[in-house]
C-alpha atoms as a PDB file:
ATOM      1  CA  MET A   1      16.833 -52.540 -11.751  1.00  0.00           C
ATOM      2  CA  THR A   2      14.771 -52.393  -8.539  1.00  0.00           C
ATOM      3  CA  GLN A   3      17.538 -50.537  -6.712  1.00  0.00           C
ATOM      4  CA  GLY A   4      17.850 -48.105  -9.610  1.00  0.00           C
ATOM      5  CA  ILE A   5      14.130 -47.363  -9.541  1.00  0.00           C
ATOM      6  CA  ALA A   6      14.243 -46.944  -5.777  1.00  0.00           C
ATOM      7  CA  ARG A   7      17.118 -44.463  -6.047  1.00  0.00           C
ATOM      8  CA  THR A   8      15.283 -42.548  -8.754  1.00  0.00           C
ATOM      9  CA  LEU A   9      12.104 -42.365  -6.693  1.00  0.00           C
ATOM     10  CA  ALA A  10      14.084 -41.296  -3.646  1.00  0.00           C
ATOM     11  CA  ALA A  11      15.721 -38.525  -5.650  1.00  0.00           C
ATOM     12  CA  ILE A  12      12.335 -37.383  -6.948  1.00  0.00           C
ATOM     13  CA  PHE A  13      10.928 -37.274  -3.420  1.00  0.00           C
ATOM     14  CA  VAL A  14      13.934 -35.248  -2.252  1.00  0.00           C
ATOM     15  CA  VAL A  15      13.433 -32.735  -5.070  1.00  0.00           C
ATOM     16  CA  ILE A  16       9.721 -32.483  -4.261  1.00  0.00           C
ATOM     17  CA  ALA A  17      10.425 -32.027  -0.553  1.00  0.00           C
ATOM     18  CA  VAL A  18      13.002 -29.317  -1.182  1.00  0.00           C
ATOM     19  CA  GLY A  19      10.616 -27.610  -3.597  1.00  0.00           C
ATOM     20  CA  LEU A  20       7.807 -27.693  -1.052  1.00  0.00           C
ATOM     21  CA  LEU A  21      10.056 -26.272   1.643  1.00  0.00           C
ATOM     22  CA  ALA A  22      11.125 -23.460  -0.670  1.00  0.00           C
ATOM     23  CA  LEU A  23       7.555 -22.791  -1.731  1.00  0.00           C
ATOM     24  CA  GLY A  24       6.447 -22.785   1.874  1.00  0.00           C
ATOM     25  CA  GLY A  25       9.012 -20.102   2.650  1.00  0.00           C
ATOM     26  CA  VAL A  26       8.130 -17.946  -0.328  1.00  0.00           C
ATOM     27  CA  THR A  27       4.399 -18.249   0.353  1.00  0.00           C
ATOM     28  CA  ARG A  28       4.813 -17.681   4.096  1.00  0.00           C
ATOM     29  CA  GLY A  29       3.812 -21.208   5.053  1.00  0.00           C
ATOM     30  CA  PHE A  30       1.369 -21.526   2.140  1.00  0.00           C
ATOM     31  CA  ALA A  31      -0.615 -18.580   3.512  1.00  0.00           C
ATOM     32  CA  ALA A  32      -0.378 -16.758   0.162  1.00  0.00           C
ATOM     33  CA  VAL A  33       0.314 -17.618  -3.471  1.00  0.00           C
ATOM     34  CA  THR A  34       0.898 -14.174  -5.000  1.00  0.00           C
ATOM     35  CA  ALA A  35       3.317 -11.325  -4.264  1.00  0.00           C
ATOM     36  CA  ASP A  36       0.420  -9.167  -3.088  1.00  0.00           C
ATOM     37  CA  GLY A  37      -0.783 -11.987  -0.885  1.00  0.00           C
ATOM     38  CA  VAL A  38       2.677 -12.408   0.620  1.00  0.00           C
ATOM     39  CA  ARG A  39       2.810  -8.671   1.360  1.00  0.00           C
ATOM     40  CA  ARG A  40      -0.569  -8.882   3.065  1.00  0.00           C
ATOM     41  CA  VAL A  41       0.586 -11.762   5.262  1.00  0.00           C
ATOM     42  CA  ASP A  42       3.893 -10.054   6.069  1.00  0.00           C
ATOM     43  CA  LEU A  43       2.174  -6.857   7.219  1.00  0.00           C
ATOM     44  CA  GLU A  44      -0.302  -8.687   9.416  1.00  0.00           C
ATOM     45  CA  ARG A  45       2.487 -10.694  11.032  1.00  0.00           C
ATOM     46  CA  ALA A  46       4.952  -7.817  11.365  1.00  0.00           C
ATOM     47  CA  PRO A  47       3.497  -4.288  11.076  1.00  0.00           C
ATOM     48  CA  ARG A  48       6.028  -1.755   9.790  1.00  0.00           C
ATOM     49  CA  SER A  49       7.111   1.520  11.317  1.00  0.00           C
ATOM     50  CA  LEU A  50       7.126   4.505   8.982  1.00  0.00           C
ATOM     51  CA  PRO A  51      10.497   6.127   8.285  1.00  0.00           C
ATOM     52  CA  ALA A  52      11.168   9.825   8.744  1.00  0.00           C
ATOM     53  CA  LEU A  53      10.967  10.613   5.023  1.00  0.00           C
ATOM     54  CA  PRO A  54      10.657  14.310   4.116  1.00  0.00           C
ATOM     55  CA  MET A  55       7.443  14.790   2.128  1.00  0.00           C
ATOM     56  CA  ILE A  56       5.673  17.699   0.458  1.00  0.00           C
ATOM     57  CA  ASP A  57       1.923  17.918  -0.045  1.00  0.00           C
ATOM     58  CA  GLN A  58      -0.473  19.610  -2.471  1.00  0.00           C
ATOM     59  CA  ALA A  59      -0.303  22.855  -0.485  1.00  0.00           C
ATOM     60  CA  GLY A  60       3.496  22.906  -0.593  1.00  0.00           C
ATOM     61  CA  LYS A  61       3.648  22.020   3.100  1.00  0.00           C
ATOM     62  CA  ALA A  62       6.681  20.042   4.262  1.00  0.00           C
ATOM     63  CA  TRP A  63       6.095  17.120   6.618  1.00  0.00           C
ATOM     64  CA  SER A  64       7.504  13.700   7.465  1.00  0.00           C
ATOM     65  CA  LEU A  65       6.008  10.299   6.766  1.00  0.00           C
ATOM     66  CA  ALA A  66       6.837   9.453  10.384  1.00  0.00           C
ATOM     67  CA  ASP A  67       4.361  12.163  11.468  1.00  0.00           C
ATOM     68  CA  TYR A  68       1.720   9.454  11.214  1.00  0.00           C
ATOM     69  CA  GLY A  69       3.411   7.699  14.117  1.00  0.00           C
ATOM     70  CA  GLY A  70       3.139   8.283  17.837  1.00  0.00           C
ATOM     71  CA  ALA A  71      -0.156   9.128  19.483  1.00  0.00           C
ATOM     72  CA  SER A  72      -2.092   9.986  16.327  1.00  0.00           C
ATOM     73  CA  PRO A  73      -5.852   9.587  16.850  1.00  0.00           C
ATOM     74  CA  TYR A  74      -6.351   8.585  13.221  1.00  0.00           C
ATOM     75  CA  THR A  75      -6.357   5.480  11.113  1.00  0.00           C
ATOM     76  CA  THR A  76      -5.142   6.388   7.625  1.00  0.00           C
ATOM     77  CA  PHE A  77      -5.893   4.620   4.340  1.00  0.00           C
ATOM     78  CA  VAL A  78      -3.124   5.051   1.751  1.00  0.00           C
ATOM     79  CA  THR A  79      -2.654   4.467  -1.968  1.00  0.00           C
ATOM     80  CA  LEU A  80       0.382   5.055  -4.199  1.00  0.00           C
ATOM     81  CA  VAL A  81      -0.154   6.455  -7.705  1.00  0.00           C
ATOM     82  CA  TYR A  82       1.139   8.835 -10.320  1.00  0.00           C
ATOM     83  CA  THR A  83      -1.257  11.490 -11.545  1.00  0.00           C
ATOM     84  CA  ARG A  84      -0.845  10.813 -15.276  1.00  0.00           C
ATOM     85  CA  CYS A  85      -1.968   7.197 -14.845  1.00  0.00           C
ATOM     86  CA  PHE A  86      -5.284   6.298 -16.481  1.00  0.00           C
ATOM     87  CA  THR A  87      -5.472   2.626 -15.513  1.00  0.00           C
ATOM     88  CA  ILE A  88      -5.126   1.150 -12.033  1.00  0.00           C
ATOM     89  CA  CYS A  89      -4.533   4.580 -10.459  1.00  0.00           C
ATOM     90  CA  ARG A  90      -8.103   5.505 -11.359  1.00  0.00           C
ATOM     91  CA  THR A  91      -9.254   2.545  -9.304  1.00  0.00           C
ATOM     92  CA  SER A  92      -7.076   3.806  -6.436  1.00  0.00           C
ATOM     93  CA  ALA A  93      -8.590   7.272  -6.707  1.00  0.00           C
ATOM     94  CA  SER A  94     -12.142   5.934  -6.881  1.00  0.00           C
ATOM     95  CA  GLY A  95     -11.477   3.842  -3.789  1.00  0.00           C
ATOM     96  CA  LEU A  96     -10.366   6.810  -1.719  1.00  0.00           C
ATOM     97  CA  ALA A  97     -13.247   8.906  -3.057  1.00  0.00           C
ATOM     98  CA  PHE A  98     -15.594   6.163  -1.838  1.00  0.00           C
ATOM     99  CA  LEU A  99     -13.888   6.147   1.559  1.00  0.00           C
ATOM    100  CA  GLN A 100     -14.124   9.936   1.808  1.00  0.00           C
ATOM    101  CA  GLN A 101     -17.871   9.737   1.225  1.00  0.00           C
ATOM    102  CA  GLU A 102     -18.191   6.976   3.827  1.00  0.00           C
ATOM    103  CA  ILE A 103     -16.120   8.908   6.371  1.00  0.00           C
ATOM    104  CA  GLN A 104     -18.388  11.919   5.974  1.00  0.00           C
ATOM    105  CA  SER A 105     -21.676  10.005   5.943  1.00  0.00           C
ATOM    106  CA  ARG A 106     -20.730   7.858   8.952  1.00  0.00           C
ATOM    107  CA  GLY A 107     -19.304  10.735  10.998  1.00  0.00           C
ATOM    108  CA  LEU A 108     -15.787   9.286  11.086  1.00  0.00           C
ATOM    109  CA  GLU A 109     -13.967  12.593  10.489  1.00  0.00           C
ATOM    110  CA  ASP A 110     -12.321  12.437  13.917  1.00  0.00           C
ATOM    111  CA  ARG A 111     -11.080   8.873  13.369  1.00  0.00           C
ATOM    112  CA  VAL A 112     -10.073   8.274   9.735  1.00  0.00           C
ATOM    113  CA  ARG A 113      -7.842  10.057   7.220  1.00  0.00           C
ATOM    114  CA  LEU A 114      -6.844   9.434   3.584  1.00  0.00           C
ATOM    115  CA  LEU A 115      -3.451   9.769   1.927  1.00  0.00           C
ATOM    116  CA  THR A 116      -2.434   9.557  -1.726  1.00  0.00           C
ATOM    117  CA  LEU A 117       1.317   9.302  -2.336  1.00  0.00           C
ATOM    118  CA  SER A 118       2.777   9.935  -5.793  1.00  0.00           C
ATOM    119  CA  PHE A 119       5.851   7.982  -6.872  1.00  0.00           C
ATOM    120  CA  ASP A 120       6.462  10.458  -9.713  1.00  0.00           C
ATOM    121  CA  PRO A 121       8.022  13.477  -7.965  1.00  0.00           C
ATOM    122  CA  PHE A 122       9.587  14.536 -11.274  1.00  0.00           C
ATOM    123  CA  ASN A 123       6.171  15.508 -12.646  1.00  0.00           C
ATOM    124  CA  ASP A 124       3.844  15.548  -9.647  1.00  0.00           C
ATOM    125  CA  THR A 125       4.754  18.888  -8.141  1.00  0.00           C
ATOM    126  CA  PRO A 126       2.589  20.472  -5.403  1.00  0.00           C
ATOM    127  CA  ALA A 127       0.706  22.437  -8.081  1.00  0.00           C
ATOM    128  CA  VAL A 128      -0.008  19.267 -10.082  1.00  0.00           C
ATOM    129  CA  LEU A 129      -1.041  17.428  -6.933  1.00  0.00           C
ATOM    130  CA  ALA A 130      -3.382  20.274  -6.013  1.00  0.00           C
ATOM    131  CA  GLU A 131      -5.114  20.065  -9.406  1.00  0.00           C
ATOM    132  CA  TYR A 132      -5.301  16.296  -9.094  1.00  0.00           C
ATOM    133  CA  ALA A 133      -6.884  16.545  -5.638  1.00  0.00           C
ATOM    134  CA  LYS A 134      -9.332  19.170  -6.881  1.00  0.00           C
ATOM    135  CA  GLY A 135     -10.376  16.930  -9.744  1.00  0.00           C
ATOM    136  CA  LEU A 136     -11.087  14.115  -7.289  1.00  0.00           C
ATOM    137  CA  GLY A 137     -13.119  16.365  -5.034  1.00  0.00           C
ATOM    138  CA  ALA A 138     -10.700  15.675  -2.188  1.00  0.00           C
ATOM    139  CA  ASP A 139     -11.554  17.376   1.097  1.00  0.00           C
ATOM    140  CA  GLY A 140      -8.211  18.775   2.249  1.00  0.00           C
ATOM    141  CA  SER A 141      -9.139  18.318   5.892  1.00  0.00           C
ATOM    142  CA  LEU A 142      -9.478  14.553   5.340  1.00  0.00           C
ATOM    143  CA  TRP A 143      -7.489  13.668   2.248  1.00  0.00           C
ATOM    144  CA  ARG A 144      -3.874  14.663   1.646  1.00  0.00           C
ATOM    145  CA  THR A 145      -1.944  14.167  -1.611  1.00  0.00           C
ATOM    146  CA  ALA A 146       1.832  14.277  -1.464  1.00  0.00           C
ATOM    147  CA  THR A 147       5.151  13.018  -2.764  1.00  0.00           C
ATOM    148  CA  VAL A 148       8.730  12.752  -1.522  1.00  0.00           C
ATOM    149  CA  ALA A 149      10.490  16.077  -1.039  1.00  0.00           C
ATOM    150  CA  HIS A 150      13.735  14.605  -2.370  1.00  0.00           C
ATOM    151  CA  GLU A 151      13.908  12.288  -5.374  1.00  0.00           C
ATOM    152  CA  THR A 152      16.647  10.290  -3.634  1.00  0.00           C
ATOM    153  CA  ASP A 153      14.067   9.118  -1.075  1.00  0.00           C
ATOM    154  CA  LEU A 154      11.738   7.618  -3.672  1.00  0.00           C
ATOM    155  CA  GLU A 155      13.095   4.063  -3.450  1.00  0.00           C
ATOM    156  CA  THR A 156      12.777   4.119   0.325  1.00  0.00           C
ATOM    157  CA  MET A 157       9.130   5.141   0.093  1.00  0.00           C
ATOM    158  CA  LEU A 158       8.402   2.413  -2.450  1.00  0.00           C
ATOM    159  CA  SER A 159      10.142  -0.241  -0.356  1.00  0.00           C
ATOM    160  CA  VAL A 160       8.042   0.613   2.705  1.00  0.00           C
ATOM    161  CA  PHE A 161       4.905  -0.321   0.756  1.00  0.00           C
ATOM    162  CA  ASP A 162       6.483  -3.025  -1.471  1.00  0.00           C
ATOM    163  CA  ILE A 163       5.508  -1.104  -4.595  1.00  0.00           C
ATOM    164  CA  VAL A 164       7.380  -1.978  -7.787  1.00  0.00           C
ATOM    165  CA  VAL A 165       7.496   0.734 -10.467  1.00  0.00           C
ATOM    166  CA  ILE A 166       8.865   0.111 -13.965  1.00  0.00           C
ATOM    167  CA  PRO A 167       8.949   2.685 -16.808  1.00  0.00           C
ATOM    168  CA  ASP A 168       6.668   1.437 -19.574  1.00  0.00           C
ATOM    169  CA  GLY A 169       8.514   3.156 -22.428  1.00  0.00           C
ATOM    170  CA  LEU A 170       5.522   5.417 -23.096  1.00  0.00           C
ATOM    171  CA  ALA A 171       6.355   8.103 -20.519  1.00  0.00           C
ATOM    172  CA  GLY A 172       4.360   6.197 -17.918  1.00  0.00           C
ATOM    173  CA  TYR A 173       4.866   3.340 -15.494  1.00  0.00           C
ATOM    174  CA  SER A 174       3.789  -0.218 -14.894  1.00  0.00           C
ATOM    175  CA  HIS A 175       3.283  -0.840 -11.190  1.00  0.00           C
ATOM    176  CA  ASN A 176       1.479  -2.917  -8.611  1.00  0.00           C
ATOM    177  CA  ALA A 177      -1.009  -1.385  -6.216  1.00  0.00           C
ATOM    178  CA  ALA A 178      -2.883  -1.920  -2.977  1.00  0.00           C
ATOM    179  CA  LEU A 179      -4.955  -0.039  -0.448  1.00  0.00           C
ATOM    180  CA  PHE A 180      -2.930   0.224   2.758  1.00  0.00           C
ATOM    181  CA  ARG A 181      -3.896   0.970   6.327  1.00  0.00           C
ATOM    182  CA  ILE A 182      -1.818   2.838   8.909  1.00  0.00           C
ATOM    183  CA  ASP A 183      -3.101   2.471  12.459  1.00  0.00           C
ATOM    184  CA  GLU A 184      -3.207   5.013  15.279  1.00  0.00           C
ATOM    185  CA  ARG A 185       0.295   3.998  16.393  1.00  0.00           C
ATOM    186  CA  GLY A 186       1.694   4.944  13.008  1.00  0.00           C
ATOM    187  CA  LYS A 187       2.230   1.311  12.003  1.00  0.00           C
ATOM    188  CA  LEU A 188       1.603   0.063   8.478  1.00  0.00           C
ATOM    189  CA  ILE A 189      -0.547  -2.921   9.403  1.00  0.00           C
ATOM    190  CA  LYS A 190      -2.607  -4.089   6.438  1.00  0.00           C
ATOM    191  CA  ALA A 191      -2.920  -4.184   2.651  1.00  0.00           C
ATOM    192  CA  TYR A 192      -6.189  -4.754   0.823  1.00  0.00           C
ATOM    193  CA  ASP A 193      -7.173  -5.312  -2.803  1.00  0.00           C
ATOM    194  CA  ILE A 194      -7.201  -1.921  -4.489  1.00  0.00           C
ATOM    195  CA  ASP A 195     -10.742  -2.388  -5.789  1.00  0.00           C
ATOM    196  CA  ARG A 196     -12.300  -3.304  -2.416  1.00  0.00           C
ATOM    197  CA  PRO A 197     -12.259  -0.180  -0.229  1.00  0.00           C
ATOM    198  CA  ASP A 198     -15.587  -1.371   1.170  1.00  0.00           C
ATOM    199  CA  LEU A 199     -13.908  -4.443   2.651  1.00  0.00           C
ATOM    200  CA  ALA A 200     -11.067  -2.322   4.021  1.00  0.00           C
ATOM    201  CA  LEU A 201     -13.516  -0.032   5.802  1.00  0.00           C
ATOM    202  CA  ALA A 202     -15.579  -2.963   7.070  1.00  0.00           C
ATOM    203  CA  ASP A 203     -12.424  -4.583   8.451  1.00  0.00           C
ATOM    204  CA  TYR A 204     -11.464  -1.373  10.233  1.00  0.00           C
ATOM    205  CA  LEU A 205     -14.939  -0.930  11.732  1.00  0.00           C
ATOM    206  CA  TYR A 206     -15.096  -4.584  12.786  1.00  0.00           C
ATOM    207  CA  ASN A 207     -11.729  -4.343  14.545  1.00  0.00           C
ATOM    208  CA  LYS A 208     -12.870  -1.173  16.313  1.00  0.00           C
ATOM    209  CA  ALA A 209     -16.070  -2.835  17.452  1.00  0.00           C
ATOM    210  CA  GLU A 210     -14.100  -5.764  18.916  1.00  0.00           C
ATOM    211  CA  ARG A 211     -12.094  -3.476  21.228  1.00  0.00           C
END
């Protein structure tokens, strides 16, 4: 009986140990407990280079996502949305509108830029993006709205930012969201809660002050 109990307890401990090891891997050493948290940790540990994805903006101008690389003098805050979204995308838009106001009031125009990327190239044409930007009061010299030039590149763009998009059956999408930061080297380095652009800006300014 005693040996049987001992074997049972040993088996339980093995299962617990294996589970903890697996959980530690999934949570990046217990540094995060959610998918968004894991993404945040991953970016801070290993910033990502931006691929040379052909993009098109609200003015119909063609450019590449990799243009944000190299010796760019700007830090860029990025959100991913679709223009027909009336839920979390509104929070994304409000966050960038807040940042635009802060950039202008703090005199950061020569240091910070904003970028909204649509993951709905089927509907978000340059003309639609232009109306969307106008409705947000976006200053075109600071804030660009764009989408992939080729629908076949959509999955690549989403994977760069770890955005998951699922049709909701109502002509819209369910998706996760974050406020991202691209540094002056063109590296995707951080992700913040979508509803805390103030913390994102404070983090950027603090890091600048440390240098």
